[in-house]
Amino acid sequence: MAAVITAAADGSSLSNPGPTGWAWYVDDTCWAAGGWAHGTNNMGELMAVLDLLRQTESRGAEDLLVLCDSQYVINSVTKWSPGWKRRGWRKADGQPVQNLELLQGIDAAMTGRRVRFEWVKGHAGHELNEAADLRARAAATAFQRGAPVDSGPGFDGAGRTPAASPMTGPSPRPEPEATLFDEPPAPDDVEHVLRLERSLLEDAVRSDRDAAGALLHPDFVEVGRSGRIWTRGRTLASLAPLAGPTDLELLGADRLADDVLLLRWRASDATGETLRSSVWQRTPHGWQQRYHQATPVGGSEAPRRLP
C-alpha cells in the first residue's frame, strides 16, 4: 500500500476581498503559509492547495489526501474542471472561469498524481483544519498590518525566505467571488434552481456558512414556521445540519420575471410536513434565494429550520 500524505489546506480573507492568507498543514514541522495584500477567500483556498501540490511534487509516488473546508475548491478541482477545460476554460454559460491561473496551476500540478480531496467542517475542532486556518489568518493579518509573514518550514523542513515564495509577490487582481453552485447552470432554469433549493438541505452546505451565504441574496428574508421573520444574517448564524432526512416534493414553479422564479414545494421529515415557497433571483453571482416562507401542515409547529 502506498504511503499517504495527509494535509489540511485553508484560506482566509479579511473583508473578502482584502488582505488574504493561505496555509497548508501536515504537522508542526511541516507546513507553509503566505498570501497577498489584496485577494479573496477563494484565492487563498486555491493557493493553499496549489502550493501543497508543488511542494510535494518530489513525493509524487505517495498518495496525497487534501482536507478542505471549502466545497468551492473541491467541486472546482474534482467536478467542474474537466468541463471547463473542454470549453477552453469557460463555464457552461460561456463566461470565463474565475481564478483561472490558480485553477490551471492546480490542474497541471495534479497530472500524474494520486490526489484525493475530503471535505471537513471548518471551525469545528478538526486538528489539522484548525492549524491551517490559524496560519492562514495569521498571514492575512500580517499583510493587513504590513508585517513580515511567517512562511513556515515548508514540506522538506528547510524553510524559505519570503522573497523566494510566490505568495509574497505582487497581488493577483482579485476576481468576484465564485459561488459554490456557480457551475454548471442547467439548461432549464427551474431544474437548476431546484437543485440549489435541495442543496440548502444538505449537511455540507448547512455546515459551511460561506457555502450557504453564496446561495442567499443580500436582501434575503424568511417567514418561518412560527411566523417569525428571519434576516439573512440571523439565518446564517442559526443554520446547522438537519436532525434527519428531508424529502422535497416540487408542487409548482412560476417565472415571475426573466430573472425571478417562484418555487412551491412540500417538505416532509420525521416531524411532519410543511408547505414552502421560495423566490429565487438571478444575480451576477448566480441564482440566489431572496425570499422563503414555510407553513406547517396538520398543526405541526416543531421549530426546525430548513432554514
Protein backbone atom coordinates (compact mmCIF):
# COMPACT_ATOMS: atom_id res chain seq x y z
CA MET A 1 0.00 0.00 0.00
CA ALA A 2 1.37 3.40 -1.00
CA ALA A 3 2.21 5.89 1.71
CA VAL A 4 -0.30 8.73 2.13
CA ILE A 5 0.50 12.36 2.81
CA THR A 6 -2.41 13.95 4.71
CA ALA A 7 -2.58 17.72 4.86
CA ALA A 8 -5.23 20.37 5.53
CA ALA A 9 -5.42 23.39 3.21
CA ASP A 10 -7.23 26.60 4.08
CA GLY A 11 -7.57 30.25 3.10
CA SER A 12 -8.58 33.43 4.89
CA SER A 13 -9.52 36.84 3.54
CA LEU A 14 -10.17 39.85 5.75
CA SER A 15 -13.17 41.75 4.33
CA ASN A 16 -13.20 39.39 1.29
CA PRO A 17 -11.74 40.94 -0.78
CA GLY A 18 -8.99 42.27 1.42
CA PRO A 19 -5.72 41.10 2.97
CA THR A 20 -5.60 37.38 2.21
CA GLY A 21 -3.71 34.45 3.64
CA TRP A 22 -3.40 30.78 2.81
CA ALA A 23 -1.82 27.81 4.53
CA TRP A 24 -1.46 24.06 4.41
CA TYR A 25 -0.52 21.96 7.40
CA VAL A 26 0.75 18.41 7.97
CA ASP A 27 2.25 18.86 11.44
CA ASP A 28 4.20 21.46 13.41
CA THR A 29 7.38 20.68 11.48
CA CYS A 30 5.74 20.57 8.05
CA TRP A 31 3.56 23.49 6.96
CA ALA A 32 3.62 26.60 4.79
CA ALA A 33 1.73 29.88 4.59
CA GLY A 34 1.58 33.05 2.55
CA GLY A 35 -0.86 35.42 0.92
CA TRP A 36 -1.40 38.78 -0.73
CA ALA A 37 -2.15 42.31 0.32
CA HIS A 38 -5.46 42.11 -1.54
CA GLY A 39 -7.33 38.99 -2.57
CA THR A 40 -10.37 36.82 -1.92
CA ASN A 41 -11.09 33.83 0.26
CA ASN A 42 -11.39 31.54 -2.76
CA MET A 43 -7.97 32.67 -3.98
CA GLY A 44 -6.48 31.77 -0.61
CA GLU A 45 -8.17 28.37 -0.55
CA LEU A 46 -6.93 27.54 -4.06
CA MET A 47 -3.38 28.80 -3.45
CA ALA A 48 -3.07 26.61 -0.36
CA VAL A 49 -3.82 23.54 -2.49
CA LEU A 50 -1.53 24.67 -5.31
CA ASP A 51 1.44 25.28 -3.03
CA LEU A 52 0.89 21.93 -1.31
CA LEU A 53 0.91 20.17 -4.68
CA ARG A 54 4.06 21.97 -5.78
CA GLN A 55 5.95 21.34 -2.56
CA THR A 56 5.10 17.63 -2.59
CA GLU A 57 5.96 17.22 -6.28
CA SER A 58 9.10 15.19 -5.46
CA ARG A 59 6.92 12.83 -3.41
CA GLY A 60 4.65 12.04 -6.35
CA ALA A 61 4.87 8.30 -5.67
CA GLU A 62 2.90 8.87 -2.47
CA ASP A 63 -0.84 9.43 -2.41
CA LEU A 64 -1.96 12.88 -1.27
CA LEU A 65 -5.08 13.42 0.82
CA VAL A 66 -6.12 17.09 0.96
CA LEU A 67 -8.55 18.10 3.70
CA CYS A 68 -10.60 21.17 2.73
CA ASP A 69 -13.48 23.01 4.34
CA SER A 70 -14.27 24.71 1.01
CA GLN A 71 -16.83 22.99 -1.20
CA TYR A 72 -15.96 25.54 -3.89
CA VAL A 73 -12.38 24.23 -4.08
CA ILE A 74 -13.39 20.57 -4.02
CA ASN A 75 -16.08 20.99 -6.67
CA SER A 76 -13.87 23.16 -8.87
CA VAL A 77 -10.99 20.67 -8.86
CA THR A 78 -12.86 17.35 -8.88
CA LYS A 79 -16.13 18.08 -10.73
CA TRP A 80 -16.07 21.22 -12.81
CA SER A 81 -12.53 21.47 -14.21
CA PRO A 82 -12.92 18.72 -16.86
CA GLY A 83 -15.86 20.56 -18.41
CA TRP A 84 -14.11 23.90 -18.14
CA LYS A 85 -11.05 22.51 -19.95
CA ARG A 86 -13.16 21.07 -22.77
CA ARG A 87 -14.69 24.50 -23.30
CA GLY A 88 -11.34 26.31 -23.26
CA TRP A 89 -11.61 27.14 -19.54
CA ARG A 90 -15.02 28.69 -19.87
CA LYS A 91 -18.16 27.93 -17.90
CA ALA A 92 -21.25 26.41 -19.46
CA ASP A 93 -22.72 29.88 -19.97
CA GLY A 94 -19.62 30.92 -21.93
CA GLN A 95 -18.24 33.21 -19.24
CA PRO A 96 -14.54 32.94 -18.28
CA VAL A 97 -13.69 30.76 -15.31
CA GLN A 98 -12.76 32.78 -12.25
CA ASN A 99 -9.35 32.33 -10.57
CA LEU A 100 -8.15 30.81 -13.83
CA GLU A 101 -4.39 30.99 -13.17
CA LEU A 102 -4.70 29.18 -9.85
CA LEU A 103 -7.03 26.52 -11.24
CA GLN A 104 -4.81 25.85 -14.23
CA GLY A 105 -1.84 25.58 -11.91
CA ILE A 106 -3.63 23.01 -9.79
CA ASP A 107 -4.69 21.08 -12.87
CA ALA A 108 -1.10 20.90 -14.13
CA ALA A 109 0.30 20.03 -10.70
CA MET A 110 -2.15 17.14 -10.31
CA THR A 111 -1.12 15.48 -13.57
CA GLY A 112 0.23 12.03 -12.84
CA ARG A 113 -0.51 12.36 -9.12
CA ARG A 114 -2.89 10.34 -6.96
CA VAL A 115 -4.74 13.10 -5.13
CA ARG A 116 -7.94 12.79 -3.14
CA PHE A 117 -9.95 15.61 -1.57
CA GLU A 118 -12.04 15.25 1.57
CA TRP A 119 -14.43 17.84 2.96
CA VAL A 120 -14.12 18.70 6.65
CA LYS A 121 -16.30 21.09 8.59
CA GLY A 122 -14.50 24.35 9.28
CA HIS A 123 -14.17 25.82 12.77
CA ALA A 124 -15.35 22.57 14.31
CA GLY A 125 -12.26 21.45 16.20
CA HIS A 126 -10.63 19.37 13.44
CA GLU A 127 -6.96 19.45 14.46
CA LEU A 128 -5.37 19.81 11.03
CA ASN A 129 -8.02 22.19 9.70
CA GLU A 130 -7.75 24.43 12.76
CA ALA A 131 -3.95 24.53 12.42
CA ALA A 132 -4.16 25.51 8.74
CA ASP A 133 -6.85 28.11 9.47
CA LEU A 134 -4.76 29.65 12.26
CA ARG A 135 -1.76 30.07 9.95
CA ALA A 136 -3.85 31.39 7.05
CA ARG A 137 -5.45 34.02 9.28
CA ALA A 138 -2.05 34.94 10.70
CA ALA A 139 -0.73 35.51 7.18
CA ALA A 140 -3.74 37.66 6.25
CA THR A 141 -3.34 39.67 9.45
CA ALA A 142 0.36 40.19 8.75
CA PHE A 143 -0.45 41.61 5.32
CA GLN A 144 -3.08 43.83 6.89
CA ARG A 145 -0.50 45.22 9.33
CA GLY A 146 2.34 45.36 6.84
CA ALA A 147 4.29 42.91 8.96
CA PRO A 148 6.54 40.01 7.81
CA VAL A 149 4.73 36.77 7.05
CA ASP A 150 5.88 33.54 8.69
CA SER A 151 6.01 31.30 5.62
CA GLY A 152 6.71 28.16 7.66
CA PRO A 153 9.29 25.39 7.24
CA GLY A 154 7.77 24.03 4.04
CA PHE A 155 7.44 20.37 3.22
CA ASP A 156 11.10 19.47 3.48
CA GLY A 157 11.63 21.45 6.66
CA ALA A 158 14.36 23.52 5.07
CA GLY A 159 12.48 26.80 5.44
CA ARG A 160 12.11 29.53 2.84
CA THR A 161 12.57 33.26 2.68
CA PRO A 162 9.51 35.29 1.78
CA ALA A 163 11.21 36.74 -1.29
CA ALA A 164 11.57 33.27 -2.80
CA SER A 165 7.93 32.40 -2.37
CA PRO A 166 5.23 33.14 -4.97
CA MET A 167 2.67 34.11 -2.37
CA THR A 168 4.53 37.26 -1.38
CA GLY A 169 4.93 38.65 -4.89
CA PRO A 170 2.59 41.17 -6.48
CA SER A 171 -1.02 40.54 -5.59
CA PRO A 172 -3.06 39.00 -8.40
CA ARG A 173 -6.10 41.04 -9.32
CA PRO A 174 -8.96 39.60 -7.26
CA GLU A 175 -11.96 38.47 -9.25
CA PRO A 176 -15.53 38.45 -7.95
CA GLU A 177 -16.06 35.51 -5.66
CA ALA A 178 -17.45 32.48 -7.45
CA THR A 179 -20.48 30.96 -5.78
CA LEU A 180 -20.45 27.36 -4.66
CA PHE A 181 -23.05 26.36 -7.23
CA ASP A 182 -21.82 28.66 -9.97
CA GLU A 183 -21.26 25.72 -12.35
CA PRO A 184 -22.86 24.24 -14.29
CA PRO A 185 -26.08 26.17 -14.91
CA ALA A 186 -28.79 23.80 -16.06
CA PRO A 187 -30.35 24.28 -19.49
CA ASP A 188 -33.67 24.56 -17.68
CA ASP A 189 -33.59 27.28 -15.02
CA VAL A 190 -36.23 25.51 -12.94
CA GLU A 191 -34.16 22.32 -12.74
CA HIS A 192 -31.06 24.30 -11.80
CA VAL A 193 -32.81 26.35 -9.12
CA LEU A 194 -34.47 23.22 -7.73
CA ARG A 195 -31.01 21.68 -7.32
CA LEU A 196 -29.92 24.77 -5.40
CA GLU A 197 -33.02 24.51 -3.23
CA ARG A 198 -32.20 20.89 -2.43
CA SER A 199 -28.61 21.83 -1.63
CA LEU A 200 -29.84 24.01 1.24
CA LEU A 201 -30.97 20.78 2.90
CA GLU A 202 -27.52 19.18 2.67
CA ASP A 203 -25.30 18.98 5.74
CA ALA A 204 -22.19 20.02 3.79
CA VAL A 205 -23.83 23.33 2.81
CA ARG A 206 -25.56 23.93 6.14
CA SER A 207 -22.24 23.40 7.93
CA ASP A 208 -20.40 25.90 5.72
CA ARG A 209 -21.51 29.50 6.25
CA ASP A 210 -19.70 30.67 3.10
CA ALA A 211 -21.40 27.98 1.03
CA ALA A 212 -24.85 28.78 2.39
CA GLY A 213 -24.23 32.52 2.15
CA ALA A 214 -23.42 32.19 -1.54
CA LEU A 215 -26.98 30.97 -2.10
CA LEU A 216 -28.78 33.67 -0.12
CA HIS A 217 -29.44 37.09 -1.66
CA PRO A 218 -28.12 40.10 0.31
CA ASP A 219 -31.77 41.11 0.89
CA PHE A 220 -32.90 37.60 1.86
CA VAL A 221 -35.90 37.37 4.22
CA GLU A 222 -37.70 34.32 5.54
CA VAL A 223 -41.03 33.91 7.30
CA GLY A 224 -40.51 30.81 9.42
CA ARG A 225 -42.91 28.10 10.55
CA SER A 226 -43.79 30.05 13.69
CA GLY A 227 -44.37 33.28 11.75
CA ARG A 228 -41.08 34.77 12.91
CA ILE A 229 -39.19 36.87 10.37
CA TRP A 230 -35.59 35.89 9.75
CA THR A 231 -33.00 38.12 8.13
CA ARG A 232 -30.07 36.79 6.13
CA GLY A 233 -27.60 37.34 8.98
CA ARG A 234 -29.82 35.66 11.56
CA THR A 235 -30.48 32.75 9.20
CA LEU A 236 -26.78 32.13 8.55
CA ALA A 237 -25.97 32.41 12.25
CA SER A 238 -28.54 29.73 13.15
CA LEU A 239 -28.03 27.37 10.21
CA ALA A 240 -27.00 23.83 11.17
CA PRO A 241 -27.30 20.27 9.82
CA LEU A 242 -30.82 18.86 9.93
CA ALA A 243 -31.76 16.26 12.53
CA GLY A 244 -32.76 13.74 9.86
CA PRO A 245 -33.51 13.27 6.17
CA THR A 246 -35.97 15.63 4.49
CA ASP A 247 -37.85 14.93 1.28
CA LEU A 248 -38.61 17.76 -1.11
CA GLU A 249 -41.59 17.45 -3.48
CA LEU A 250 -41.95 20.17 -6.10
CA LEU A 251 -45.56 21.34 -6.37
CA GLY A 252 -45.10 24.05 -8.95
CA ALA A 253 -42.79 26.65 -10.44
CA ASP A 254 -43.62 30.07 -11.88
CA ARG A 255 -41.43 32.55 -13.72
CA LEU A 256 -42.28 35.93 -12.22
CA ALA A 257 -39.76 37.73 -14.45
CA ASP A 258 -36.89 36.82 -16.73
CA ASP A 259 -34.57 36.53 -13.74
CA VAL A 260 -37.04 35.62 -10.98
CA LEU A 261 -38.50 32.19 -10.21
CA LEU A 262 -41.06 31.12 -7.61
CA LEU A 263 -40.88 27.53 -6.37
CA ARG A 264 -43.69 25.89 -4.40
CA TRP A 265 -42.81 22.62 -2.66
CA ARG A 266 -43.64 20.27 0.19
CA ALA A 267 -41.02 19.26 2.78
CA SER A 268 -41.53 16.02 4.70
CA ASP A 269 -39.50 14.73 7.61
CA ALA A 270 -39.92 12.90 10.91
CA THR A 271 -41.70 15.89 12.47
CA GLY A 272 -44.34 16.21 9.74
CA GLU A 273 -44.88 18.30 6.64
CA THR A 274 -44.57 21.94 5.70
CA LEU A 275 -45.66 23.74 2.56
CA ARG A 276 -42.94 26.08 1.35
CA SER A 277 -42.45 28.79 -1.22
CA SER A 278 -39.13 30.27 -2.34
CA VAL A 279 -38.34 33.20 -4.60
CA TRP A 280 -35.03 32.92 -6.44
CA GLN A 281 -33.38 35.76 -8.34
CA ARG A 282 -30.60 35.54 -10.91
CA THR A 283 -27.76 37.89 -9.90
CA PRO A 284 -24.20 38.50 -11.18
CA HIS A 285 -23.20 35.81 -8.66
CA GLY A 286 -25.70 33.24 -9.94
CA TRP A 287 -29.17 32.28 -8.71
CA GLN A 288 -29.77 33.31 -5.09
CA GLN A 289 -32.74 32.80 -2.81
CA ARG A 290 -34.38 36.12 -1.93
CA TYR A 291 -37.49 35.03 -0.01
CA HIS A 292 -38.63 31.88 1.75
CA GLN A 293 -41.83 31.05 3.63
CA ALA A 294 -42.90 27.92 5.50
CA THR A 295 -46.42 26.92 6.53
CA PRO A 296 -46.95 23.90 8.82
CA VAL A 297 -49.37 21.22 7.63
CA GLY A 298 -51.67 19.44 10.08
CA GLY A 299 -50.85 21.66 13.03
CA SER A 300 -47.16 20.72 13.22
CA GLU A 301 -45.32 23.55 14.91
CA ALA A 302 -41.97 21.90 15.59
CA PRO A 303 -39.44 24.76 15.27
CA ARG A 304 -36.92 23.11 12.96
CA ARG A 305 -35.46 25.31 10.26
CA LEU A 306 -34.71 24.28 6.66
CA PRO A 307 -33.60 27.22 7.05
